[in-house]
Amino acid sequence: MSEIVVKRLPAESGTSGWEAISRRCFPVRTLDGDVSADWLIIGAGFAGLSAARRLRQLRPSDRIVLLEAGEIAKGTAGRNSGYMIDVPHNLSSGEYSVASEAATKTEIAQNRLAISFAADAAAEYGMSVRTFDPSGKINAAASERGMKLNASYARSLARIGEEHRLVDAGEMREITGSSYYLGGLYTPGAVMIQPADYIRGFAAGLVSKVDIFEHSPVLKLERLSDTWRAVSRRGSVTAPKVILGVNGHIEDFGHFHGRLMHIFTYASMTAPFTGRSTGKDRWALLPADPMGATVRKISTDGASRIVIRTRFTYDWAVQVGEKRLAGIAAEQRISLDARFPDLKDVPFEHVWAGRLCLSRNHVPAFGEIEAGLYSACCENGLGTVKSTLAGVMAADLATGTRSDMLDKFSDQPEPARLPPEPLAWLGVNSVIRLQELRAGREG
């Protein structure tokens, strides 16, 4: 018998601006009593919800239960920058695309499968263009080094026949209203989402077909003969097969310990404003250097907001404090004012941190890790797409639905071991900080 006691639960820092301006349209249900099901999914983020939808496609008559420790869209899934990216986006390297051409083509095919799955869900569940916008994205360069990185990225895309377009400084000013940027690289395949609206819309589309219980953390997971039992605060769920969509918290379920890097990212959202020099109503910029600033503009009901994301930290305790949030928000204020001096009197309304999970060798924590227990975790810095894919692939694997895509996704090594703590903490944060300093004006 396998028994896992979960001693550490997700803890969020700050209120996500995306969640604060989002609205949900279905009531919160909490697990109360003991239930049995054909499938149990733990975690209602991109992986868990995608796994649930895929199981509904493959096993429409089965009962599926989904447990979420907190509230849908208030956790990590509702805290990211909202980029669903098809082309390579490797945050652990100095450049986005560093793999071989064959590996790059495979990654693009996997990312596009996930985006197609998400697009079908968005259409089926009636999401608006403000929630799911296939607008593409721009890698924005604010320095000569950034321009060189974009040129290198463009060459790598050209070698494999991927559509892209270089953007000059004049067009960047037209798009953003800012003279900060020297140029950009546009790729058309990215989808921009309002992450909290997307996650809530996805859950709303499933809620009549899947039993979704929030504020129902799994405190113990035990194997009893040929079934699993998950114990929460006020009830339990028994099912023969379980899919874990908990990202870095897979370590708290007893697996991949010492192999995953828990990276925090930080973001701030302005108060709404009107009549400022910020270009078009909506745009989305990634930094030419992966360690630079991600900047998005959104507009609703005649008012606009800008979201800026900078800084990464490695925290093996999986929690950060308010003091750090405030300090990084002050740095982000400087970055935003440099780009948009006209916004200096517009305050940040929301400041928050979000988590992502990386492995040292850039592979997921995926597969059947015990009999009937499946992991769809460790998204390696692109949770919107990679976690969607992992959820779909986990459902396929658990149901015996074979495909070339599943074979390729499964044929990856285990996440590599990290040095012991505190060496890993010192090493990873030192590398991150050096890369951030090197990014310079891009940050």
Protein backbone atom coordinates (compact mmCIF):
# COMPACT_ATOMS: atom_id res chain seq x y z
CA MET A 1 0.00 0.00 0.00
CA SER A 2 1.27 3.46 -0.95
CA GLU A 3 0.34 6.36 1.34
CA ILE A 4 1.27 9.98 0.72
CA VAL A 5 0.64 12.66 3.35
CA VAL A 6 0.61 16.12 1.77
CA LYS A 7 2.08 18.54 4.29
CA ARG A 8 2.50 21.64 2.13
CA LEU A 9 -0.35 23.30 0.24
CA PRO A 10 -0.19 26.04 -2.42
CA ALA A 11 0.23 29.56 -1.02
CA GLU A 12 -0.34 32.62 -3.19
CA SER A 13 1.30 36.04 -2.84
CA GLY A 14 -0.67 39.15 -3.73
CA THR A 15 -3.92 39.39 -5.69
CA SER A 16 -3.63 38.69 -9.39
CA GLY A 17 -4.90 41.60 -11.43
CA TRP A 18 -6.30 39.15 -13.98
CA GLU A 19 -8.41 37.47 -11.30
CA ALA A 20 -9.44 40.79 -9.75
CA ILE A 21 -10.97 42.05 -13.00
CA SER A 22 -12.48 38.67 -13.87
CA ARG A 23 -15.94 37.40 -12.98
CA ARG A 24 -17.09 33.84 -12.48
CA CYS A 25 -20.52 32.58 -13.55
CA PHE A 26 -20.89 29.35 -11.55
CA PRO A 27 -21.05 28.66 -7.81
CA VAL A 28 -18.24 27.28 -5.67
CA ARG A 29 -18.75 23.68 -4.54
CA THR A 30 -16.68 22.10 -1.77
CA LEU A 31 -16.26 18.36 -1.26
CA ASP A 32 -18.48 17.29 1.62
CA GLY A 33 -18.69 13.53 2.12
CA ASP A 34 -17.21 10.43 0.56
CA VAL A 35 -17.67 9.86 -3.17
CA SER A 36 -16.43 7.36 -5.74
CA ALA A 37 -15.58 8.03 -9.37
CA ASP A 38 -13.97 6.49 -12.43
CA TRP A 39 -11.37 9.28 -12.54
CA LEU A 40 -9.89 11.71 -10.04
CA ILE A 41 -7.98 14.77 -11.22
CA ILE A 42 -6.08 16.85 -8.67
CA GLY A 43 -5.50 20.48 -9.63
CA ALA A 44 -7.86 22.71 -11.65
CA GLY A 45 -5.31 24.62 -13.71
CA PHE A 46 -4.42 24.23 -17.37
CA ALA A 47 -3.32 20.59 -16.98
CA GLY A 48 -6.19 19.42 -14.79
CA LEU A 49 -8.97 21.11 -16.77
CA SER A 50 -7.49 19.93 -20.08
CA ALA A 51 -7.25 16.38 -18.76
CA ALA A 52 -10.88 16.55 -17.66
CA ARG A 53 -12.05 17.75 -21.07
CA ARG A 54 -10.00 15.11 -22.86
CA LEU A 55 -11.40 12.37 -20.61
CA ARG A 56 -14.91 13.58 -21.42
CA GLN A 57 -14.06 13.14 -25.11
CA LEU A 58 -12.60 9.67 -24.61
CA ARG A 59 -14.84 8.31 -21.83
CA PRO A 60 -18.10 10.31 -22.01
CA SER A 61 -20.02 8.00 -19.67
CA ASP A 62 -17.36 7.91 -16.92
CA ARG A 63 -17.68 9.93 -13.72
CA ILE A 64 -14.86 12.45 -13.33
CA VAL A 65 -14.10 14.30 -10.11
CA LEU A 66 -11.72 17.27 -10.02
CA LEU A 67 -10.33 18.59 -6.73
CA GLU A 68 -8.83 22.08 -6.41
CA ALA A 69 -7.01 23.11 -3.23
CA GLY A 70 -7.98 26.77 -3.55
CA GLU A 71 -10.40 28.55 -5.84
CA ILE A 72 -10.36 28.30 -9.62
CA ALA A 73 -8.30 31.10 -11.26
CA LYS A 74 -6.97 32.42 -7.93
CA GLY A 75 -3.97 30.09 -8.08
CA THR A 76 -1.07 29.88 -10.49
CA ALA A 77 -3.19 29.34 -13.60
CA GLY A 78 -4.79 32.77 -13.18
CA ARG A 79 -1.48 34.55 -12.49
CA ASN A 80 0.58 34.12 -15.67
CA SER A 81 1.11 36.66 -18.44
CA GLY A 82 -1.41 34.97 -20.73
CA TYR A 83 0.76 33.99 -23.70
CA MET A 84 -0.03 30.74 -25.54
CA ILE A 85 3.08 30.47 -27.72
CA ASP A 86 3.61 28.00 -30.54
CA VAL A 87 7.27 28.66 -31.40
CA PRO A 88 10.11 27.73 -28.99
CA HIS A 89 10.17 29.65 -25.72
CA ASN A 90 12.96 28.29 -23.55
CA LEU A 91 13.38 30.44 -20.44
CA SER A 92 16.33 28.46 -19.08
CA SER A 93 18.60 29.58 -21.91
CA GLY A 94 19.96 32.93 -23.05
CA GLU A 95 17.96 32.59 -26.26
CA TYR A 96 14.48 31.23 -26.95
CA SER A 97 15.48 28.69 -29.60
CA VAL A 98 18.58 26.60 -28.99
CA ALA A 99 17.52 23.05 -29.92
CA SER A 100 18.16 21.19 -33.17
CA GLU A 101 15.84 21.78 -36.09
CA ALA A 102 14.18 18.37 -35.63
CA ALA A 103 13.61 18.99 -31.93
CA THR A 104 12.31 22.50 -32.66
CA LYS A 105 9.81 21.18 -35.21
CA THR A 106 8.58 18.59 -32.71
CA GLU A 107 8.15 21.22 -30.03
CA ILE A 108 6.20 23.49 -32.38
CA ALA A 109 3.91 20.62 -33.38
CA GLN A 110 3.25 19.83 -29.71
CA ASN A 111 2.58 23.47 -28.86
CA ARG A 112 0.16 23.82 -31.77
CA LEU A 113 -1.72 20.70 -30.77
CA ALA A 114 -2.22 22.26 -27.34
CA ILE A 115 -3.29 25.61 -28.81
CA SER A 116 -5.74 23.85 -31.15
CA PHE A 117 -7.21 21.97 -28.18
CA ALA A 118 -7.55 25.25 -26.28
CA ALA A 119 -9.09 27.00 -29.29
CA ASP A 120 -11.71 24.27 -29.62
CA ALA A 121 -12.52 24.62 -25.94
CA ALA A 122 -12.74 28.41 -26.23
CA ALA A 123 -15.17 28.10 -29.14
CA GLU A 124 -17.24 25.39 -27.47
CA TYR A 125 -17.49 27.29 -24.18
CA GLY A 126 -18.26 30.66 -25.79
CA MET A 127 -15.14 32.62 -24.80
CA SER A 128 -14.89 36.13 -26.24
CA VAL A 129 -11.92 37.56 -28.15
CA ARG A 130 -10.96 39.46 -24.99
CA THR A 131 -10.49 36.08 -23.29
CA PHE A 132 -8.96 34.16 -26.20
CA ASP A 133 -7.35 36.31 -28.90
CA PRO A 134 -5.31 34.70 -31.72
CA SER A 135 -3.40 37.93 -32.31
CA GLY A 136 0.21 36.74 -32.39
CA LYS A 137 2.94 38.36 -30.31
CA ILE A 138 6.03 40.53 -30.70
CA ASN A 139 9.48 39.92 -29.26
CA ALA A 140 10.41 43.53 -28.51
CA ALA A 141 14.03 44.72 -28.54
CA ALA A 142 15.14 47.79 -26.59
CA SER A 143 18.90 47.48 -27.16
CA GLU A 144 21.39 46.50 -29.83
CA ARG A 145 21.88 43.18 -28.07
CA GLY A 146 18.12 42.64 -28.18
CA MET A 147 18.12 43.39 -31.90
CA LYS A 148 20.85 40.77 -32.41
CA LEU A 149 18.87 38.21 -30.40
CA ASN A 150 15.81 38.87 -32.54
CA ALA A 151 17.84 38.54 -35.73
CA SER A 152 19.25 35.22 -34.54
CA TYR A 153 15.77 34.01 -33.61
CA ALA A 154 14.44 35.10 -37.01
CA ARG A 155 17.17 33.10 -38.76
CA SER A 156 16.33 29.98 -36.77
CA LEU A 157 12.65 30.37 -37.69
CA ALA A 158 13.51 30.93 -41.35
CA ARG A 159 15.56 27.72 -41.45
CA ILE A 160 12.48 25.66 -40.61
CA GLY A 161 10.07 27.67 -42.74
CA GLU A 162 8.21 29.40 -39.89
CA GLU A 163 6.33 32.60 -40.66
CA HIS A 164 7.69 35.72 -38.99
CA ARG A 165 8.19 39.42 -39.65
CA LEU A 166 10.72 41.94 -38.38
CA VAL A 167 9.19 45.18 -37.06
CA ASP A 168 11.09 48.48 -37.18
CA ALA A 169 11.21 51.22 -34.55
CA GLY A 170 8.56 53.30 -36.30
CA GLU A 171 6.03 50.50 -36.30
CA MET A 172 6.84 49.71 -32.66
CA ARG A 173 5.98 53.34 -31.80
CA GLU A 174 2.74 53.06 -33.77
CA ILE A 175 1.78 49.86 -31.92
CA THR A 176 2.80 50.85 -28.39
CA GLY A 177 2.97 54.64 -28.40
CA SER A 178 6.49 54.34 -26.97
CA SER A 179 9.86 55.26 -28.48
CA TYR A 180 11.63 52.87 -26.06
CA TYR A 181 11.90 50.00 -28.53
CA LEU A 182 14.31 49.73 -31.45
CA GLY A 183 12.43 46.94 -33.18
CA GLY A 184 10.59 43.68 -32.81
CA LEU A 185 10.00 40.23 -34.22
CA TYR A 186 6.36 39.32 -34.90
CA THR A 187 5.18 35.71 -35.01
CA PRO A 188 1.51 35.08 -35.84
CA GLY A 189 0.80 31.77 -34.09
CA ALA A 190 0.55 32.94 -30.49
CA VAL A 191 -2.79 33.35 -28.74
CA MET A 192 -3.26 35.96 -26.02
CA ILE A 193 -5.57 34.98 -23.21
CA GLN A 194 -6.97 36.70 -20.15
CA PRO A 195 -5.81 33.79 -17.99
CA ALA A 196 -8.33 34.08 -15.15
CA ASP A 197 -11.24 34.47 -17.58
CA TYR A 198 -9.95 31.56 -19.65
CA ILE A 199 -9.62 29.20 -16.67
CA ARG A 200 -13.01 30.21 -15.31
CA GLY A 201 -14.61 29.92 -18.73
CA PHE A 202 -13.05 26.48 -19.21
CA ALA A 203 -14.30 25.30 -15.81
CA ALA A 204 -17.76 26.74 -16.50
CA GLY A 205 -17.89 24.69 -19.69
CA LEU A 206 -17.12 21.51 -17.77
CA VAL A 207 -19.07 22.05 -14.59
CA SER A 208 -22.24 20.31 -15.81
CA LYS A 209 -20.26 17.23 -16.88
CA VAL A 210 -17.46 17.03 -14.28
CA ASP A 211 -17.77 17.23 -10.50
CA ILE A 212 -15.51 20.17 -9.64
CA PHE A 213 -14.84 20.76 -5.95
CA GLU A 214 -12.91 23.85 -4.81
CA HIS A 215 -11.38 24.64 -1.41
CA SER A 216 -10.86 20.88 -1.25
CA PRO A 217 -7.12 20.22 -0.87
CA VAL A 218 -5.84 16.66 -0.91
CA LEU A 219 -4.27 16.03 2.49
CA LYS A 220 -3.57 12.35 1.99
CA LEU A 221 -3.45 10.10 -1.06
CA GLU A 222 -3.36 6.36 -0.44
CA ARG A 223 -3.36 3.24 -2.56
CA LEU A 224 -5.86 0.61 -1.41
CA SER A 225 -5.65 -2.63 -3.39
CA ASP A 226 -6.55 -1.58 -6.97
CA THR A 227 -7.89 1.88 -6.20
CA TRP A 228 -6.77 5.29 -4.89
CA ARG A 229 -8.35 7.29 -2.09
CA ALA A 230 -7.81 11.04 -1.73
CA VAL A 231 -8.69 12.52 1.63
CA SER A 232 -9.68 16.19 1.92
CA ARG A 233 -10.87 18.24 4.89
CA ARG A 234 -14.51 17.19 4.80
CA GLY A 235 -14.62 14.18 2.55
CA SER A 236 -12.78 11.78 0.27
CA VAL A 237 -12.74 10.58 -3.32
CA THR A 238 -12.05 6.99 -4.35
CA ALA A 239 -11.09 6.22 -7.95
CA PRO A 240 -9.02 3.58 -9.76
CA LYS A 241 -7.03 6.21 -11.68
CA VAL A 242 -5.70 9.60 -10.64
CA ILE A 243 -4.13 12.39 -12.73
CA LEU A 244 -1.98 14.93 -10.89
CA GLY A 245 -2.02 18.39 -12.50
CA VAL A 246 -0.27 20.18 -9.64
CA ASN A 247 2.90 21.36 -11.41
CA GLY A 248 5.79 21.84 -8.95
CA HIS A 249 3.70 20.58 -6.04
CA ILE A 250 4.16 17.07 -7.44
CA GLU A 251 7.09 16.93 -5.01
CA ASP A 252 4.63 17.25 -2.13
CA PHE A 253 2.95 14.11 -3.44
CA GLY A 254 6.19 12.19 -2.99
CA HIS A 255 7.59 12.24 -6.53
CA PHE A 256 10.44 13.98 -8.40
CA HIS A 257 11.94 15.26 -5.17
CA GLY A 258 15.14 17.25 -5.72
CA ARG A 259 14.56 17.42 -9.48
CA LEU A 260 12.34 20.50 -9.92
CA MET A 261 13.10 24.23 -9.71
CA HIS A 262 10.32 26.36 -8.22
CA ILE A 263 10.62 29.71 -9.96
CA PHE A 264 8.60 32.76 -9.02
CA THR A 265 7.71 35.48 -11.49
CA TYR A 266 6.32 38.88 -10.54
CA ALA A 267 3.78 41.15 -12.18
CA SER A 268 2.01 44.47 -11.67
CA MET A 269 -1.15 45.83 -13.30
CA THR A 270 -1.95 49.52 -13.52
CA ALA A 271 -5.19 51.13 -12.55
CA PRO A 272 -7.42 51.81 -15.58
CA PHE A 273 -6.54 54.92 -17.59
CA THR A 274 -7.73 56.82 -20.65
CA GLY A 275 -6.24 59.33 -23.08
CA ARG A 276 -2.56 58.38 -22.73
CA SER A 277 0.09 57.75 -25.39
CA THR A 278 0.10 53.97 -25.32
CA GLY A 279 -0.70 53.13 -28.93
CA LYS A 280 -3.29 50.60 -30.01
CA ASP A 281 -5.99 49.22 -27.72
CA ARG A 282 -4.34 45.81 -27.31
CA TRP A 283 -0.81 44.59 -27.80
CA ALA A 284 1.50 41.97 -26.35
CA LEU A 285 5.29 42.20 -26.07
CA LEU A 286 7.73 39.55 -24.97
CA PRO A 287 11.33 40.65 -24.35
CA ALA A 288 13.96 39.82 -26.95
CA ASP A 289 16.03 38.55 -24.02
CA PRO A 290 14.15 35.89 -21.99
CA MET A 291 15.14 37.66 -18.76
CA GLY A 292 13.66 40.99 -19.81
CA ALA A 293 10.24 42.59 -19.26
CA THR A 294 7.00 41.16 -20.61
CA VAL A 295 4.50 43.97 -21.25
CA ARG A 296 0.83 43.76 -22.24
CA LYS A 297 -1.87 46.34 -22.84
CA ILE A 298 -5.54 45.47 -22.52
CA SER A 299 -8.57 47.70 -23.04
CA THR A 300 -12.13 47.22 -21.80
CA ASP A 301 -15.12 49.55 -21.85
CA GLY A 302 -13.07 52.53 -23.03
CA ALA A 303 -10.33 52.23 -20.39
CA SER A 304 -6.92 50.59 -20.64
CA ARG A 305 -4.47 48.87 -18.31
CA ILE A 306 -0.86 47.77 -18.71
CA VAL A 307 0.60 44.65 -17.14
CA ILE A 308 4.37 44.36 -16.70
CA ARG A 309 6.20 41.23 -15.67
CA THR A 310 9.88 41.25 -14.66
CA ARG A 311 12.22 39.34 -12.37
CA PHE A 312 12.60 35.65 -11.55
CA THR A 313 13.58 34.06 -8.25
CA TYR A 314 14.12 30.46 -7.22
CA ASP A 315 12.44 29.62 -3.90
CA TRP A 316 12.45 25.99 -2.81
CA ALA A 317 10.01 26.87 0.01
CA VAL A 318 7.41 27.66 -2.72
CA GLN A 319 6.36 30.92 -1.06
CA VAL A 320 7.42 34.57 -1.14
CA GLY A 321 6.58 37.46 1.18
CA GLU A 322 4.91 40.84 0.82
CA LYS A 323 8.20 42.69 1.33
CA ARG A 324 9.70 41.12 -1.78
CA LEU A 325 6.53 41.83 -3.75
CA ALA A 326 6.74 45.50 -2.81
CA GLY A 327 10.43 45.73 -3.68
CA ILE A 328 10.02 44.17 -7.11
CA ALA A 329 6.94 46.31 -7.79
CA ALA A 330 9.14 49.38 -7.20
CA GLU A 331 11.60 48.05 -9.81
CA GLN A 332 8.73 47.43 -12.22
CA ARG A 333 7.56 51.00 -11.71
CA ILE A 334 10.94 52.22 -12.98
CA SER A 335 10.73 49.89 -16.00
CA LEU A 336 7.20 51.01 -16.85
CA ASP A 337 8.00 54.72 -16.47
CA ALA A 338 11.00 54.36 -18.78
CA ARG A 339 8.73 52.96 -21.46
CA PHE A 340 5.71 55.17 -20.81
CA PRO A 341 6.57 58.48 -19.09
CA ASP A 342 2.98 59.58 -19.68
CA LEU A 343 1.82 56.97 -17.14
CA LYS A 344 3.91 58.14 -14.17
CA ASP A 345 0.82 59.32 -12.31
CA VAL A 346 -1.12 56.06 -12.97
CA PRO A 347 -0.59 53.77 -9.97
CA PHE A 348 -0.27 50.03 -9.88
CA GLU A 349 -3.58 48.63 -8.68
CA HIS A 350 -2.52 44.99 -8.32
CA VAL A 351 0.86 43.39 -7.60
CA TRP A 352 1.36 39.63 -7.41
CA ALA A 353 3.68 36.67 -7.76
CA GLY A 354 3.12 33.48 -9.72
CA ARG A 355 4.94 30.17 -9.83
CA LEU A 356 6.38 28.17 -12.65
CA CYS A 357 8.32 24.92 -12.60
CA LEU A 358 11.51 24.12 -14.50
CA SER A 359 13.62 21.02 -14.75
CA ARG A 360 17.36 21.21 -15.22
CA ASN A 361 17.17 19.32 -18.54
CA HIS A 362 13.98 21.07 -19.73
CA VAL A 363 11.71 18.00 -19.65
CA PRO A 364 8.32 17.52 -18.00
CA ALA A 365 7.53 15.42 -14.94
CA PHE A 366 5.23 13.16 -16.90
CA GLY A 367 3.98 9.60 -16.99
CA GLU A 368 2.54 6.79 -14.90
CA ILE A 369 4.53 7.21 -11.69
CA GLU A 370 2.71 4.50 -9.73
CA ALA A 371 0.05 2.02 -10.81
CA GLY A 372 -2.96 4.10 -11.78
CA LEU A 373 -1.28 7.40 -10.77
CA TYR A 374 -0.31 9.78 -13.57
CA SER A 375 1.72 13.00 -13.50
CA ALA A 376 1.11 15.93 -15.86
CA CYS A 377 3.52 18.36 -14.19
CA CYS A 378 6.51 20.70 -14.71
CA GLU A 379 5.69 22.97 -17.63
CA ASN A 380 9.18 24.48 -18.04
CA GLY A 381 8.09 28.08 -18.25
CA LEU A 382 5.16 27.98 -20.67
CA GLY A 383 2.35 26.68 -18.51
CA THR A 384 -0.53 27.80 -20.72
CA VAL A 385 0.60 25.52 -23.55
CA LYS A 386 2.83 22.89 -21.96
CA SER A 387 0.39 22.17 -19.14
CA THR A 388 -2.51 21.97 -21.59
CA LEU A 389 -0.52 19.45 -23.62
CA ALA A 390 0.50 17.47 -20.53
CA GLY A 391 -3.11 17.22 -19.39
CA VAL A 392 -4.24 15.93 -22.79
CA MET A 393 -1.34 13.49 -23.02
CA ALA A 394 -1.94 12.20 -19.47
CA ALA A 395 -5.57 11.45 -20.32
CA ASP A 396 -4.47 9.67 -23.50
CA LEU A 397 -1.87 7.66 -21.62
CA ALA A 398 -4.26 6.68 -18.82
CA THR A 399 -6.95 5.54 -21.26
CA GLY A 400 -4.55 3.67 -23.56
CA THR A 401 -5.20 6.07 -26.46
CA ARG A 402 -2.02 5.75 -28.45
CA SER A 403 -0.68 8.27 -30.97
CA ASP A 404 2.62 9.39 -32.46
CA MET A 405 2.34 12.58 -30.41
CA LEU A 406 1.97 10.61 -27.17
CA ASP A 407 4.88 8.36 -28.11
CA LYS A 408 7.13 11.37 -28.67
CA PHE A 409 5.93 13.15 -25.54
CA SER A 410 6.48 10.04 -23.43
CA ASP A 411 9.92 9.36 -24.89
CA GLN A 412 11.77 11.84 -22.70
CA PRO A 413 14.18 11.32 -19.81
CA GLU A 414 13.27 11.94 -16.19
CA PRO A 415 13.95 15.44 -14.84
CA ALA A 416 17.63 15.62 -13.86
CA ARG A 417 18.66 15.87 -10.24
CA LEU A 418 19.54 19.26 -8.78
CA PRO A 419 22.40 19.89 -6.37
CA PRO A 420 21.35 19.64 -2.71
CA GLU A 421 19.98 22.69 -0.93
CA PRO A 422 21.16 25.35 -0.28
CA LEU A 423 23.60 24.86 -3.16
CA ALA A 424 20.76 24.70 -5.69
CA TRP A 425 19.23 27.89 -4.28
CA LEU A 426 22.55 29.72 -4.44
CA GLY A 427 23.44 28.44 -7.89
CA VAL A 428 20.08 28.96 -9.59
CA ASN A 429 19.52 32.45 -8.15
CA SER A 430 23.07 33.49 -9.07
CA VAL A 431 22.55 32.41 -12.68
CA ILE A 432 19.16 34.13 -12.84
CA ARG A 433 20.53 37.38 -11.47
CA LEU A 434 23.49 37.40 -13.85
CA GLN A 435 21.15 36.82 -16.79
CA GLU A 436 18.83 39.59 -15.61
CA LEU A 437 21.75 41.99 -15.33
CA ARG A 438 22.91 41.01 -18.80
CA ALA A 439 19.42 41.73 -20.15
CA GLY A 440 19.99 45.38 -19.19
CA ARG A 441 17.60 47.73 -21.01
CA GLU A 442 15.39 44.77 -22.00
CA GLY A 443 14.32 44.44 -18.34
